């Protein structure tokens, strides 16, 4: 975060080596809840992509169509290690 500002380093994930070496992270909310993150896909897209930003592929909590779409379109993709039904960020 120091060099590129908040979220500036996210473009580093476009490099395969960086993606391979940075699979986990944490999210701390303003009320100090901590969530462990698992990076499983890298997709370069724009802010108008409805499949990514509107979650239109998720119906009744079923994330499988979204995961399948990411698998098809991602530059890099690895199978999820944790319960993928719980949270997506």
Foldseek 3Di string as FASTA:
>chain_A
DVPQPPPGCVVVCLDVVVVVVCQWDWDADPVGDIDIGGDFFAADDDPVPCLPPVVVLADPLDCVSSLVVRVVGTPGGDDDPDPPSPDDD
